[in-house]
N, C-alpha and C. Protein backbone atom coordinates (compact mmCIF):
# COMPACT_ATOMS: atom_id res chain seq x y z
N UNK A 1 0.84 -1.18 0.00
CA UNK A 1 0.00 0.00 0.00
C UNK A 1 0.88 1.25 0.00
N UNK A 2 0.45 2.27 -0.69
CA UNK A 2 1.17 3.53 -0.78
C UNK A 2 0.33 4.63 -0.16
N UNK A 3 0.97 5.71 0.25
CA UNK A 3 0.28 6.84 0.86
C UNK A 3 0.69 8.10 0.14
N UNK A 4 -0.23 8.99 -0.10
CA UNK A 4 0.07 10.28 -0.73
C UNK A 4 0.42 11.29 0.35
N UNK A 5 1.54 11.98 0.14
CA UNK A 5 1.98 13.05 1.03
C UNK A 5 1.78 14.38 0.33
N UNK A 6 1.91 15.46 1.06
CA UNK A 6 1.82 16.78 0.44
C UNK A 6 2.91 16.91 -0.62
N UNK A 7 2.69 17.82 -1.54
CA UNK A 7 3.68 18.06 -2.59
C UNK A 7 4.91 18.73 -1.98
N UNK A 8 5.98 17.98 -1.88
CA UNK A 8 7.26 18.49 -1.37
C UNK A 8 8.37 17.90 -2.22
N UNK A 9 9.47 18.60 -2.29
CA UNK A 9 10.62 18.13 -3.07
C UNK A 9 11.47 17.19 -2.21
N UNK A 10 10.98 15.99 -2.00
CA UNK A 10 11.73 15.00 -1.22
C UNK A 10 12.78 14.37 -2.11
N UNK A 11 13.98 14.88 -2.04
CA UNK A 11 15.11 14.31 -2.77
C UNK A 11 16.09 13.83 -1.72
N UNK A 12 16.37 12.55 -1.73
CA UNK A 12 17.29 11.99 -0.74
C UNK A 12 18.46 11.32 -1.43
N UNK A 13 19.65 11.39 -0.89
CA UNK A 13 20.05 12.20 0.26
C UNK A 13 20.27 13.64 -0.16
N UNK A 14 20.06 14.53 0.77
CA UNK A 14 20.26 15.96 0.58
C UNK A 14 21.51 16.34 1.36
N UNK A 15 22.63 16.62 0.68
CA UNK A 15 23.88 16.86 1.40
C UNK A 15 23.82 18.12 2.24
N UNK A 16 24.55 18.12 3.34
CA UNK A 16 24.69 19.30 4.17
C UNK A 16 25.92 20.05 3.66
N UNK A 17 25.67 21.18 3.03
CA UNK A 17 26.72 21.97 2.40
C UNK A 17 27.05 23.16 3.27
N UNK A 18 28.32 23.40 3.48
CA UNK A 18 28.78 24.57 4.22
C UNK A 18 29.44 25.51 3.21
N UNK A 19 28.78 26.64 2.97
CA UNK A 19 29.26 27.61 1.98
C UNK A 19 30.09 28.66 2.72
N UNK A 20 31.34 28.82 2.27
CA UNK A 20 32.26 29.74 2.92
C UNK A 20 32.63 30.92 2.03
N UNK A 21 32.75 32.09 2.67
CA UNK A 21 33.14 33.31 1.96
C UNK A 21 33.98 34.19 2.89
N UNK A 22 34.56 35.22 2.30
CA UNK A 22 35.19 36.29 3.07
C UNK A 22 34.38 37.56 2.84
N UNK A 23 34.28 38.39 3.89
CA UNK A 23 33.62 39.68 3.70
C UNK A 23 34.63 40.71 3.21
N UNK A 24 34.19 41.95 3.09
CA UNK A 24 35.05 43.01 2.55
C UNK A 24 36.27 43.30 3.42
N UNK A 25 36.24 42.86 4.68
CA UNK A 25 37.37 43.06 5.59
C UNK A 25 38.22 41.79 5.76
N UNK A 26 37.93 40.78 4.98
CA UNK A 26 38.68 39.53 5.08
C UNK A 26 38.24 38.62 6.22
N UNK A 27 37.08 38.91 6.81
CA UNK A 27 36.55 38.07 7.89
C UNK A 27 35.84 36.87 7.27
N UNK A 28 36.22 35.64 7.66
CA UNK A 28 35.57 34.47 7.09
C UNK A 28 34.15 34.29 7.62
N UNK A 29 33.30 33.76 6.77
CA UNK A 29 31.92 33.47 7.12
C UNK A 29 31.57 32.12 6.50
N UNK A 30 30.65 31.43 7.11
CA UNK A 30 30.15 30.18 6.53
C UNK A 30 28.70 30.00 6.93
N UNK A 31 27.95 29.37 6.07
CA UNK A 31 26.54 29.08 6.35
C UNK A 31 26.22 27.66 5.93
N UNK A 32 25.22 27.09 6.55
CA UNK A 32 24.73 25.76 6.22
C UNK A 32 23.67 25.92 5.14
N UNK A 33 23.85 25.23 4.03
CA UNK A 33 22.90 25.30 2.92
C UNK A 33 22.50 23.88 2.53
N UNK A 34 21.25 23.55 2.74
CA UNK A 34 20.80 22.18 2.49
C UNK A 34 20.37 21.94 1.04
N UNK A 35 20.05 22.98 0.32
CA UNK A 35 19.54 22.77 -1.03
C UNK A 35 20.60 23.05 -2.06
N UNK A 36 21.35 22.02 -2.43
CA UNK A 36 22.39 22.16 -3.42
C UNK A 36 22.68 20.84 -4.12
N UNK A 37 23.27 20.95 -5.30
CA UNK A 37 23.56 19.75 -6.09
C UNK A 37 24.59 20.05 -7.17
N UNK A 38 25.02 19.02 -7.85
CA UNK A 38 25.86 19.14 -9.04
C UNK A 38 24.94 19.56 -10.19
N UNK A 39 25.37 20.52 -10.99
CA UNK A 39 24.53 20.91 -12.14
C UNK A 39 25.27 20.79 -13.46
N UNK A 40 26.54 20.43 -13.43
CA UNK A 40 27.34 20.15 -14.62
C UNK A 40 28.60 19.45 -14.12
N UNK A 41 29.44 18.98 -15.00
CA UNK A 41 30.60 18.21 -14.56
C UNK A 41 31.53 19.00 -13.65
N UNK A 42 31.59 20.32 -13.81
CA UNK A 42 32.45 21.14 -12.95
C UNK A 42 31.67 22.33 -12.40
N UNK A 43 30.38 22.14 -12.15
CA UNK A 43 29.58 23.22 -11.58
C UNK A 43 28.66 22.69 -10.50
N UNK A 44 28.42 23.55 -9.50
CA UNK A 44 27.46 23.25 -8.44
C UNK A 44 26.40 24.33 -8.43
N UNK A 45 25.23 23.95 -7.94
CA UNK A 45 24.11 24.86 -7.80
C UNK A 45 23.65 24.81 -6.35
N UNK A 46 23.49 25.98 -5.74
CA UNK A 46 23.04 26.05 -4.36
C UNK A 46 21.98 27.14 -4.27
N UNK A 47 20.88 26.83 -3.60
CA UNK A 47 19.83 27.81 -3.39
C UNK A 47 20.15 28.59 -2.12
N UNK A 48 20.41 29.90 -2.27
CA UNK A 48 20.85 30.75 -1.16
C UNK A 48 20.03 32.03 -1.13
N UNK A 49 19.32 32.25 -0.04
CA UNK A 49 18.51 33.46 0.11
C UNK A 49 19.40 34.69 0.10
N UNK A 50 18.95 35.73 -0.59
CA UNK A 50 19.75 36.94 -0.79
C UNK A 50 20.10 37.66 0.51
N UNK A 51 19.32 37.48 1.55
CA UNK A 51 19.57 38.17 2.80
C UNK A 51 20.76 37.67 3.60
N UNK A 52 21.29 36.52 3.23
CA UNK A 52 22.43 35.96 3.96
C UNK A 52 23.70 36.79 3.74
N UNK A 53 24.46 36.99 4.79
CA UNK A 53 25.76 37.66 4.70
C UNK A 53 26.66 36.93 3.71
N UNK A 54 26.58 35.61 3.71
CA UNK A 54 27.38 34.80 2.79
C UNK A 54 27.11 35.17 1.34
N UNK A 55 25.85 35.40 1.00
CA UNK A 55 25.49 35.76 -0.37
C UNK A 55 26.03 37.15 -0.71
N UNK A 56 25.87 38.08 0.22
CA UNK A 56 26.42 39.43 0.00
C UNK A 56 27.92 39.35 -0.25
N UNK A 57 28.60 38.50 0.52
CA UNK A 57 30.04 38.33 0.36
C UNK A 57 30.41 37.75 -0.99
N UNK A 58 29.76 36.67 -1.39
CA UNK A 58 30.15 36.01 -2.64
C UNK A 58 29.83 36.87 -3.85
N UNK A 59 28.82 37.71 -3.74
CA UNK A 59 28.53 38.63 -4.85
C UNK A 59 29.64 39.68 -4.99
N UNK A 60 30.27 40.04 -3.87
CA UNK A 60 31.37 41.00 -3.92
C UNK A 60 32.68 40.35 -4.36
N UNK A 61 32.98 39.18 -3.80
CA UNK A 61 34.28 38.55 -4.08
C UNK A 61 34.26 37.67 -5.32
N UNK A 62 33.08 37.25 -5.74
CA UNK A 62 32.91 36.36 -6.91
C UNK A 62 33.55 34.99 -6.67
N UNK A 63 33.65 34.61 -5.38
CA UNK A 63 34.27 33.33 -5.02
C UNK A 63 33.63 32.79 -3.75
N UNK A 64 33.66 31.46 -3.61
CA UNK A 64 33.15 30.80 -2.41
C UNK A 64 33.63 29.37 -2.38
N UNK A 65 33.53 28.77 -1.22
CA UNK A 65 33.83 27.34 -1.09
C UNK A 65 32.54 26.62 -0.69
N UNK A 66 32.48 25.35 -1.06
CA UNK A 66 31.37 24.49 -0.65
C UNK A 66 32.01 23.25 -0.04
N UNK A 67 31.86 23.12 1.27
CA UNK A 67 32.36 21.95 1.97
C UNK A 67 31.19 21.02 2.25
N UNK A 68 31.46 19.73 2.25
CA UNK A 68 30.45 18.75 2.60
C UNK A 68 30.65 18.42 4.07
N UNK A 69 29.62 18.66 4.87
CA UNK A 69 29.74 18.38 6.30
C UNK A 69 29.78 16.87 6.54
N UNK A 70 30.52 16.47 7.57
CA UNK A 70 30.62 15.06 7.91
C UNK A 70 30.11 14.82 9.32
N UNK A 71 30.03 13.54 9.70
CA UNK A 71 29.45 13.15 10.99
C UNK A 71 30.20 13.76 12.17
N UNK A 72 31.49 13.97 12.03
CA UNK A 72 32.28 14.55 13.13
C UNK A 72 31.94 16.02 13.38
N UNK A 73 31.31 16.67 12.42
CA UNK A 73 31.10 18.11 12.50
C UNK A 73 29.63 18.52 12.51
N UNK A 74 28.77 17.67 13.03
CA UNK A 74 27.33 17.98 13.06
C UNK A 74 27.05 19.26 13.84
N UNK A 75 27.62 19.40 15.05
CA UNK A 75 27.32 20.56 15.89
C UNK A 75 27.74 21.88 15.24
N UNK A 76 29.00 22.04 14.82
CA UNK A 76 29.36 23.32 14.20
C UNK A 76 28.66 23.53 12.85
N UNK A 77 28.37 22.46 12.12
CA UNK A 77 27.67 22.60 10.84
C UNK A 77 26.26 23.13 11.07
N UNK A 78 25.59 22.63 12.08
CA UNK A 78 24.25 23.12 12.39
C UNK A 78 24.33 24.55 12.92
N UNK A 79 25.32 24.83 13.75
CA UNK A 79 25.49 26.17 14.32
C UNK A 79 25.57 27.24 13.24
N UNK A 80 26.37 26.99 12.19
CA UNK A 80 26.51 28.02 11.14
C UNK A 80 25.24 28.16 10.31
N UNK A 81 24.28 27.26 10.54
CA UNK A 81 22.99 27.38 9.88
C UNK A 81 21.95 28.09 10.73
N UNK A 82 22.13 28.10 12.03
CA UNK A 82 21.14 28.72 12.91
C UNK A 82 21.57 30.09 13.43
N UNK A 83 22.83 30.46 13.22
CA UNK A 83 23.33 31.77 13.63
C UNK A 83 23.73 32.55 12.38
N UNK A 84 23.25 33.76 12.27
CA UNK A 84 23.51 34.59 11.11
C UNK A 84 24.72 35.49 11.31
N UNK A 85 25.56 35.57 10.29
CA UNK A 85 26.70 36.50 10.33
C UNK A 85 26.23 37.95 10.22
N UNK A 86 24.98 38.16 9.84
CA UNK A 86 24.42 39.52 9.87
C UNK A 86 24.31 40.01 11.32
N UNK A 87 24.13 39.06 12.26
CA UNK A 87 24.00 39.39 13.67
C UNK A 87 25.26 39.10 14.47
N UNK A 88 26.01 38.07 14.08
CA UNK A 88 27.23 37.65 14.77
C UNK A 88 28.34 37.56 13.71
N UNK A 89 28.99 38.69 13.41
CA UNK A 89 29.96 38.74 12.31
C UNK A 89 31.11 37.73 12.42
N UNK A 90 31.53 37.39 13.63
CA UNK A 90 32.64 36.46 13.81
C UNK A 90 32.15 35.10 14.31
N UNK A 91 31.02 34.66 13.79
CA UNK A 91 30.38 33.44 14.29
C UNK A 91 31.26 32.20 14.16
N UNK A 92 32.20 32.19 13.24
CA UNK A 92 33.04 31.00 13.08
C UNK A 92 33.93 30.74 14.29
N UNK A 93 34.19 31.76 15.09
CA UNK A 93 35.01 31.57 16.29
C UNK A 93 34.37 30.56 17.25
N UNK A 94 33.05 30.50 17.27
CA UNK A 94 32.35 29.58 18.18
C UNK A 94 32.33 28.13 17.70
N UNK A 95 32.74 27.89 16.47
CA UNK A 95 32.69 26.53 15.92
C UNK A 95 33.89 25.67 16.32
N UNK A 96 35.01 26.31 16.63
CA UNK A 96 36.23 25.56 16.88
C UNK A 96 36.95 25.17 15.60
N UNK A 97 36.38 25.56 14.46
CA UNK A 97 37.00 25.26 13.17
C UNK A 97 38.22 26.15 12.94
N UNK A 98 39.17 25.61 12.19
CA UNK A 98 40.36 26.34 11.79
C UNK A 98 40.22 26.72 10.32
N UNK A 99 40.44 27.98 10.02
CA UNK A 99 40.23 28.51 8.68
C UNK A 99 41.57 28.81 8.03
N UNK A 100 41.71 28.37 6.78
CA UNK A 100 42.86 28.76 5.96
C UNK A 100 42.32 29.32 4.66
N UNK A 101 43.07 30.22 4.06
CA UNK A 101 42.65 30.82 2.79
C UNK A 101 42.95 29.85 1.65
N UNK A 102 41.99 29.69 0.78
CA UNK A 102 42.20 28.88 -0.41
C UNK A 102 43.36 29.47 -1.22
N UNK A 103 44.14 28.61 -1.82
CA UNK A 103 45.22 29.05 -2.70
C UNK A 103 44.71 29.36 -4.10
N UNK A 104 43.44 29.00 -4.36
CA UNK A 104 42.90 29.08 -5.71
C UNK A 104 41.84 30.18 -5.88
N UNK A 105 40.99 30.36 -4.87
CA UNK A 105 39.95 31.39 -4.92
C UNK A 105 39.99 32.21 -3.63
N UNK A 106 39.37 33.37 -3.66
CA UNK A 106 39.33 34.23 -2.48
C UNK A 106 38.19 33.80 -1.55
N UNK A 107 38.40 32.66 -0.90
CA UNK A 107 37.38 32.10 -0.01
C UNK A 107 38.08 31.19 1.01
N UNK A 108 37.43 30.98 2.15
CA UNK A 108 38.05 30.17 3.22
C UNK A 108 37.85 28.68 3.03
N UNK A 109 38.83 27.93 3.53
CA UNK A 109 38.72 26.48 3.64
C UNK A 109 38.66 26.16 5.13
N UNK A 110 37.68 25.36 5.50
CA UNK A 110 37.55 24.91 6.88
C UNK A 110 38.32 23.60 6.98
N UNK A 111 39.42 23.61 7.72
CA UNK A 111 40.31 22.45 7.77
C UNK A 111 39.63 21.19 8.30
N UNK A 112 38.70 21.33 9.22
CA UNK A 112 38.03 20.16 9.80
C UNK A 112 37.07 19.46 8.85
N UNK A 113 36.64 20.14 7.80
CA UNK A 113 35.75 19.53 6.81
C UNK A 113 36.60 18.93 5.70
N UNK A 114 36.57 17.61 5.53
CA UNK A 114 37.56 16.94 4.68
C UNK A 114 37.40 17.10 3.17
N UNK A 115 36.26 17.58 2.70
CA UNK A 115 36.06 17.74 1.26
C UNK A 115 35.53 19.14 1.00
N UNK A 116 36.30 19.93 0.25
CA UNK A 116 35.93 21.32 -0.02
C UNK A 116 36.06 21.59 -1.53
N UNK A 117 34.97 22.10 -2.10
CA UNK A 117 34.98 22.53 -3.49
C UNK A 117 35.28 24.03 -3.51
N UNK A 118 36.28 24.42 -4.26
CA UNK A 118 36.66 25.83 -4.36
C UNK A 118 36.06 26.37 -5.66
N UNK A 119 35.23 27.41 -5.53
CA UNK A 119 34.39 27.83 -6.66
C UNK A 119 34.53 29.30 -7.02
N UNK A 120 34.42 29.56 -8.31
CA UNK A 120 34.27 30.91 -8.84
C UNK A 120 32.79 31.09 -9.13
N UNK A 121 32.26 32.26 -8.80
CA UNK A 121 30.86 32.53 -9.06
C UNK A 121 30.60 32.62 -10.56
N UNK A 122 29.65 31.82 -11.02
CA UNK A 122 29.21 31.88 -12.42
C UNK A 122 28.02 32.82 -12.51
N UNK A 123 27.03 32.61 -11.62
CA UNK A 123 25.84 33.45 -11.65
C UNK A 123 25.09 33.34 -10.33
N UNK A 124 24.31 34.37 -10.07
CA UNK A 124 23.37 34.36 -8.96
C UNK A 124 22.11 35.03 -9.46
N UNK A 125 21.01 34.30 -9.44
CA UNK A 125 19.72 34.80 -9.91
C UNK A 125 18.94 35.32 -8.70
N UNK A 126 18.71 36.62 -8.65
CA UNK A 126 18.02 37.21 -7.50
C UNK A 126 16.56 36.77 -7.40
N UNK A 127 15.98 36.37 -8.50
CA UNK A 127 14.57 35.92 -8.47
C UNK A 127 14.45 34.50 -7.91
N UNK A 128 15.28 33.60 -8.42
CA UNK A 128 15.20 32.19 -7.97
C UNK A 128 16.12 31.92 -6.78
N UNK A 129 17.07 32.82 -6.54
CA UNK A 129 18.08 32.69 -5.49
C UNK A 129 18.98 31.47 -5.71
N UNK A 130 19.17 31.12 -6.98
CA UNK A 130 20.06 30.02 -7.35
C UNK A 130 21.45 30.58 -7.65
N UNK A 131 22.42 30.02 -6.94
CA UNK A 131 23.82 30.39 -7.11
C UNK A 131 24.51 29.25 -7.86
N UNK A 132 25.19 29.59 -8.93
CA UNK A 132 25.95 28.60 -9.70
C UNK A 132 27.43 28.93 -9.54
N UNK A 133 28.20 27.91 -9.20
CA UNK A 133 29.63 28.09 -9.05
C UNK A 133 30.40 27.11 -9.92
N UNK A 134 31.48 27.58 -10.51
CA UNK A 134 32.39 26.72 -11.26
C UNK A 134 33.42 26.18 -10.28
N UNK A 135 33.50 24.87 -10.19
CA UNK A 135 34.49 24.24 -9.31
C UNK A 135 35.84 24.32 -10.00
N UNK A 136 36.77 25.05 -9.39
CA UNK A 136 38.10 25.21 -9.99
C UNK A 136 39.15 24.36 -9.27
N UNK A 137 38.79 23.86 -8.10
CA UNK A 137 39.68 22.95 -7.38
C UNK A 137 38.89 22.21 -6.32
N UNK A 138 39.33 21.01 -6.02
CA UNK A 138 38.76 20.23 -4.91
C UNK A 138 39.90 19.98 -3.93
N UNK A 139 39.70 20.44 -2.71
CA UNK A 139 40.67 20.24 -1.64
C UNK A 139 40.15 19.12 -0.76
N UNK A 140 40.94 18.07 -0.61
CA UNK A 140 40.48 16.90 0.15
C UNK A 140 41.55 16.48 1.15
N UNK A 141 41.11 16.15 2.35
CA UNK A 141 42.03 15.65 3.37
C UNK A 141 42.33 14.19 3.06
N UNK A 142 43.59 13.80 3.12
CA UNK A 142 43.95 12.43 2.75
C UNK A 142 43.38 11.38 3.71
N UNK A 143 42.84 11.80 4.84
CA UNK A 143 42.25 10.84 5.78
C UNK A 143 41.01 10.16 5.23
N UNK A 144 40.40 10.73 4.18
CA UNK A 144 39.19 10.11 3.60
C UNK A 144 39.46 9.45 2.25
N UNK A 145 40.73 9.32 1.89
CA UNK A 145 41.08 8.69 0.62
C UNK A 145 41.44 7.22 0.81
N UNK A 146 41.14 6.43 -0.20
CA UNK A 146 41.55 5.03 -0.17
C UNK A 146 42.97 4.91 -0.72
N UNK A 147 43.46 3.68 -0.84
CA UNK A 147 44.84 3.46 -1.30
C UNK A 147 45.07 3.89 -2.74
N UNK A 148 43.99 4.08 -3.52
CA UNK A 148 44.11 4.53 -4.91
C UNK A 148 43.94 6.05 -5.05
N UNK A 149 43.75 6.74 -3.91
CA UNK A 149 43.56 8.18 -3.96
C UNK A 149 42.13 8.60 -4.25
N UNK A 150 41.19 7.69 -4.12
CA UNK A 150 39.77 7.99 -4.34
C UNK A 150 39.08 8.23 -3.00
N UNK A 151 38.02 9.03 -3.02
CA UNK A 151 37.28 9.30 -1.79
C UNK A 151 36.58 8.03 -1.33
N UNK A 152 36.76 7.70 -0.07
CA UNK A 152 36.16 6.52 0.55
C UNK A 152 35.05 7.00 1.49
N UNK A 153 33.80 6.78 1.09
CA UNK A 153 32.67 7.27 1.89
C UNK A 153 32.60 6.63 3.28
N UNK A 154 33.16 5.43 3.44
CA UNK A 154 33.16 4.82 4.77
C UNK A 154 34.11 5.56 5.72
N UNK A 155 35.14 6.19 5.16
CA UNK A 155 36.04 7.01 5.97
C UNK A 155 35.50 8.44 6.12
N UNK A 156 34.90 8.93 5.08
CA UNK A 156 34.40 10.30 5.04
C UNK A 156 33.16 10.48 5.92
N UNK A 157 32.18 9.66 5.77
CA UNK A 157 30.90 9.72 6.47
C UNK A 157 30.22 11.09 6.34
N UNK A 158 29.94 11.51 5.09
CA UNK A 158 29.21 12.77 4.91
C UNK A 158 27.81 12.65 5.51
N UNK A 159 27.28 13.80 5.92
CA UNK A 159 25.93 13.78 6.47
C UNK A 159 24.95 14.35 5.46
N UNK A 160 23.71 13.92 5.59
CA UNK A 160 22.64 14.45 4.77
C UNK A 160 21.53 14.96 5.70
N UNK A 161 20.69 15.78 5.13
CA UNK A 161 19.62 16.44 5.87
C UNK A 161 18.29 15.85 5.44
N UNK A 162 17.43 15.55 6.40
CA UNK A 162 16.08 15.08 6.13
C UNK A 162 15.14 16.26 6.34
N UNK A 163 14.64 16.84 5.25
CA UNK A 163 13.81 18.04 5.36
C UNK A 163 12.44 17.77 5.97
N UNK A 164 12.05 16.51 6.08
CA UNK A 164 10.77 16.18 6.68
C UNK A 164 10.86 16.13 8.21
N UNK A 165 11.90 15.50 8.73
CA UNK A 165 12.05 15.36 10.19
C UNK A 165 13.08 16.33 10.76
N UNK A 166 13.80 17.04 9.89
CA UNK A 166 14.87 17.96 10.26
C UNK A 166 16.03 17.24 10.96
N UNK A 167 16.25 15.99 10.58
CA UNK A 167 17.34 15.21 11.15
C UNK A 167 18.55 15.19 10.24
N UNK A 168 19.70 14.91 10.83
CA UNK A 168 20.94 14.70 10.09
C UNK A 168 21.26 13.21 10.15
N UNK A 169 21.70 12.66 9.04
CA UNK A 169 22.05 11.24 8.95
C UNK A 169 23.38 11.10 8.26
N UNK A 170 24.17 10.12 8.69
CA UNK A 170 25.47 9.92 8.04
C UNK A 170 25.35 8.82 6.98
N UNK A 171 26.14 8.99 5.93
CA UNK A 171 26.19 8.03 4.83
C UNK A 171 27.49 7.25 4.93
N UNK A 172 27.55 6.14 4.25
CA UNK A 172 28.82 5.45 4.25
C UNK A 172 28.83 4.01 3.80
N UNK A 173 27.73 3.30 3.94
CA UNK A 173 27.75 1.89 3.57
C UNK A 173 27.60 1.72 2.06
N UNK A 174 28.50 0.95 1.46
CA UNK A 174 28.43 0.67 0.03
C UNK A 174 27.48 -0.50 -0.20
N UNK A 175 26.57 -0.33 -1.17
CA UNK A 175 25.58 -1.38 -1.42
C UNK A 175 25.58 -1.88 -2.86
N UNK A 176 26.43 -1.32 -3.71
CA UNK A 176 26.46 -1.78 -5.09
C UNK A 176 27.52 -1.08 -5.91
N UNK A 177 27.61 -1.46 -7.18
CA UNK A 177 28.57 -0.90 -8.11
C UNK A 177 27.82 -0.28 -9.30
N UNK A 178 27.92 1.04 -9.46
CA UNK A 178 27.25 1.74 -10.55
C UNK A 178 27.79 1.30 -11.91
N UNK A 179 26.94 1.32 -12.89
CA UNK A 179 27.26 0.97 -14.27
C UNK A 179 27.70 -0.47 -14.42
N UNK A 180 27.36 -1.30 -13.46
CA UNK A 180 27.76 -2.70 -13.47
C UNK A 180 26.66 -3.62 -12.97
N UNK A 181 26.18 -3.37 -11.75
CA UNK A 181 25.19 -4.26 -11.15
C UNK A 181 23.95 -4.46 -12.01
N UNK A 182 23.48 -3.38 -12.62
CA UNK A 182 22.29 -3.46 -13.45
C UNK A 182 22.43 -4.34 -14.67
N UNK A 183 23.68 -4.54 -15.10
CA UNK A 183 23.93 -5.39 -16.26
C UNK A 183 23.50 -6.83 -16.02
N UNK A 184 23.37 -7.22 -14.78
CA UNK A 184 22.95 -8.59 -14.43
C UNK A 184 21.51 -8.86 -14.86
N UNK A 185 20.75 -7.81 -15.12
CA UNK A 185 19.36 -7.98 -15.54
C UNK A 185 19.21 -8.04 -17.04
N UNK A 186 20.31 -7.87 -17.80
CA UNK A 186 20.26 -7.94 -19.26
C UNK A 186 19.93 -9.33 -19.73
């Protein structure tokens, strides 16, 4: 039996994205953004309300980072989503995170988050609030890489957001092989 729910965009998993920028004074900022995805081979799309300090920053600097939050960083990842840099300009101090400047774009890298996409702003649509960024570099901590230099989700344990229950869940168990398992049904 199936049940009809209200019309909602239930897309699972929904990654917990931490968008980082610098303001005009070089102060780092980061926000939690749950609505984002890949939109081309080297581009990401994130829905960001124009009122966020992070958006004001990226429109000025034309650069930002997108880190994928992991299970170890649930508390600070949620904190940067519930506290606004419009009200607490140095909010990153409360996270315990260590910030380094990207060598590629004018945006911060949070050292505790093991996977960071370094992006140049492609566009920001004020009507839809969709931000498109070109990924110009991926900074990854070797602690989440396998012996072949590939990202190992069992080591990484990225978290996803459940927009229905407002819960965070960690990912990591491998259950199949893409572009292969389905061939068994041929």
